[in-house]
Each structure stands twice: as C-alpha cells, then as structure tokens.
Amino acid sequence: MKATIRKMGNSQGVLIPKPILAQLGLEDEVEMEIENDTLVIRRPRNKARQGWAEAARAIAEAGDDALVLGDFPNADDENLQW
C-alpha cells in the first residue's frame, strides 16, 4: 500500500487507515524507530518495572518474602562509638 506524506502543522506525517490500526491493535500511543533504513511502528512495550509493586505485594501477602541470606548483624557493631 502506498501512502502520501502530508504536511501536518510544522511537521509531516502519514495517515494510517483505521482498519489497519484496528488490525494491529494500535490505539493511543506507538513506538517508532528506524531499523535498517525502515521505519518501524509498533505497540508500546511495557514500561520498565511495570507491575513490580503489585507482584511484591502478592509475594508479601503469600508470606514468601523472607530474606535469602537471613538477618545477620555486622561483626563488632556493638564496639562502635556514635
């Protein structure tokens, strides 16, 4: 399919037909990058650490959040002067 590059304000753009957006599941936001002289448009990937808070909460609720090495004091801490 060919598309025309059009002036859009101070930029230029290509209109993507609604059926193509629907087929690809693209909605409000996309990621764009250049790969080997090709413009690639794809659904946004998950943000870094997305869902970590919920996963940590679920682990804690399951009681599976014990320290791997256990709790250990530093040797000779009682001799320190503050």
C-alpha atoms as a PDB file:
ATOM      1  CA  MET A   1       0.000   0.000   0.000  1.00  0.00           C
ATOM      2  CA  LYS A   2       1.278   3.453  -0.858  1.00  0.00           C
ATOM      3  CA  ALA A   3       0.531   6.485   1.285  1.00  0.00           C
ATOM      4  CA  THR A   4       1.165  10.173   0.759  1.00  0.00           C
ATOM      5  CA  ILE A   5       3.346  12.168   3.111  1.00  0.00           C
ATOM      6  CA  ARG A   6       1.283  15.210   4.094  1.00  0.00           C
ATOM      7  CA  LYS A   7       2.020  18.485   5.799  1.00  0.00           C
ATOM      8  CA  MET A   8       0.630  18.463   9.357  1.00  0.00           C
ATOM      9  CA  GLY A   9       1.255  21.772  11.083  1.00  0.00           C
ATOM     10  CA  ASN A  10       5.014  22.323  11.173  1.00  0.00           C
ATOM     11  CA  SER A  11       5.644  18.608  10.590  1.00  0.00           C
ATOM     12  CA  GLN A  12       4.837  15.995   8.013  1.00  0.00           C
ATOM     13  CA  GLY A  13       3.022  12.737   8.518  1.00  0.00           C
ATOM     14  CA  VAL A  14       1.314   9.727   7.028  1.00  0.00           C
ATOM     15  CA  LEU A  15      -2.308   8.895   7.800  1.00  0.00           C
ATOM     16  CA  ILE A  16      -2.785   5.274   8.820  1.00  0.00           C
ATOM     17  CA  PRO A  17      -6.228   3.929   7.888  1.00  0.00           C
ATOM     18  CA  LYS A  18      -8.439   2.972  10.837  1.00  0.00           C
ATOM     19  CA  PRO A  19      -8.796  -0.704   9.755  1.00  0.00           C
ATOM     20  CA  ILE A  20      -5.008  -1.118   9.800  1.00  0.00           C
ATOM     21  CA  LEU A  21      -4.778   0.423  13.275  1.00  0.00           C
ATOM     22  CA  ALA A  22      -7.541  -1.884  14.481  1.00  0.00           C
ATOM     23  CA  GLN A  23      -5.913  -4.964  12.922  1.00  0.00           C
ATOM     24  CA  LEU A  24      -2.618  -4.173  14.663  1.00  0.00           C
ATOM     25  CA  GLY A  25      -4.242  -3.194  17.960  1.00  0.00           C
ATOM     26  CA  LEU A  26      -2.727   0.289  17.888  1.00  0.00           C
ATOM     27  CA  GLU A  27      -4.676   2.851  19.889  1.00  0.00           C
ATOM     28  CA  ASP A  28      -3.377   5.994  21.596  1.00  0.00           C
ATOM     29  CA  GLU A  29       0.382   5.576  21.502  1.00  0.00           C
ATOM     30  CA  VAL A  30       3.046   3.831  19.396  1.00  0.00           C
ATOM     31  CA  GLU A  31       6.801   3.331  19.441  1.00  0.00           C
ATOM     32  CA  MET A  32       8.727   4.336  16.330  1.00  0.00           C
ATOM     33  CA  GLU A  33      12.293   3.521  15.404  1.00  0.00           C
ATOM     34  CA  ILE A  34      14.491   3.092  12.377  1.00  0.00           C
ATOM     35  CA  GLU A  35      15.777  -0.411  11.618  1.00  0.00           C
ATOM     36  CA  ASN A  36      17.943  -0.876   8.514  1.00  0.00           C
ATOM     37  CA  ASP A  37      16.511   2.168   6.689  1.00  0.00           C
ATOM     38  CA  THR A  38      12.953   1.091   7.589  1.00  0.00           C
ATOM     39  CA  LEU A  39      10.511   2.991   9.761  1.00  0.00           C
ATOM     40  CA  VAL A  40       9.080   0.535  12.305  1.00  0.00           C
ATOM     41  CA  ILE A  41       5.889   1.417  14.193  1.00  0.00           C
ATOM     42  CA  ARG A  42       4.800  -0.945  16.974  1.00  0.00           C
ATOM     43  CA  ARG A  43       2.678  -1.137  20.104  1.00  0.00           C
ATOM     44  CA  PRO A  44       4.437   0.363  23.123  1.00  0.00           C
ATOM     45  CA  ARG A  45       6.338  -2.168  25.170  1.00  0.00           C
ATOM     46  CA  ASN A  46       5.723  -2.439  28.894  1.00  0.00           C
ATOM     47  CA  LYS A  47       7.403   0.249  30.876  1.00  0.00           C
ATOM     48  CA  ALA A  48      10.353  -0.781  32.992  1.00  0.00           C
ATOM     49  CA  ARG A  49       9.256  -2.232  36.329  1.00  0.00           C
ATOM     50  CA  GLN A  50       5.586  -2.135  35.343  1.00  0.00           C
ATOM     51  CA  GLY A  51       3.664  -4.386  37.705  1.00  0.00           C
ATOM     52  CA  TRP A  52       6.538  -4.787  40.175  1.00  0.00           C
ATOM     53  CA  ALA A  53       4.650  -3.148  43.068  1.00  0.00           C
ATOM     54  CA  GLU A  54       1.679  -5.488  42.644  1.00  0.00           C
ATOM     55  CA  ALA A  55       3.960  -8.530  42.354  1.00  0.00           C
ATOM     56  CA  ALA A  56       5.885  -7.546  45.512  1.00  0.00           C
ATOM     57  CA  ARG A  57       2.600  -7.055  47.375  1.00  0.00           C
ATOM     58  CA  ALA A  58       1.386 -10.505  46.284  1.00  0.00           C
ATOM     59  CA  ILE A  59       4.668 -12.118  47.410  1.00  0.00           C
ATOM     60  CA  ALA A  60       4.428 -10.412  50.808  1.00  0.00           C
ATOM     61  CA  GLU A  61       0.788 -11.470  51.230  1.00  0.00           C
ATOM     62  CA  ALA A  62       1.773 -15.060  50.426  1.00  0.00           C
ATOM     63  CA  GLY A  63       4.472 -14.867  53.130  1.00  0.00           C
ATOM     64  CA  ASP A  64       7.163 -15.697  50.611  1.00  0.00           C
ATOM     65  CA  ASP A  65       9.283 -12.602  51.205  1.00  0.00           C
ATOM     66  CA  ALA A  66      11.868 -13.936  53.664  1.00  0.00           C
ATOM     67  CA  LEU A  67      15.436 -12.706  53.317  1.00  0.00           C
ATOM     68  CA  VAL A  68      17.546 -15.022  51.187  1.00  0.00           C
ATOM     69  CA  LEU A  69      20.588 -14.717  53.427  1.00  0.00           C
ATOM     70  CA  GLY A  70      18.655 -14.208  56.624  1.00  0.00           C
ATOM     71  CA  ASP A  71      19.178 -11.377  59.073  1.00  0.00           C
ATOM     72  CA  PHE A  72      22.764 -11.033  60.232  1.00  0.00           C
ATOM     73  CA  PRO A  73      24.452  -8.234  62.179  1.00  0.00           C
ATOM     74  CA  ASN A  74      27.817  -6.812  61.301  1.00  0.00           C
ATOM     75  CA  ALA A  75      30.549  -8.218  63.489  1.00  0.00           C
ATOM     76  CA  ASP A  76      31.717  -5.886  66.257  1.00  0.00           C
ATOM     77  CA  ASP A  77      28.945  -3.318  65.761  1.00  0.00           C
ATOM     78  CA  GLU A  78      28.482  -3.084  69.495  1.00  0.00           C
ATOM     79  CA  ASN A  79      32.009  -1.612  69.808  1.00  0.00           C
ATOM     80  CA  LEU A  80      31.258   1.346  67.536  1.00  0.00           C
ATOM     81  CA  GLN A  81      31.005   4.794  69.089  1.00  0.00           C
ATOM     82  CA  TRP A  82      28.469   7.199  67.628  1.00  0.00           C
END
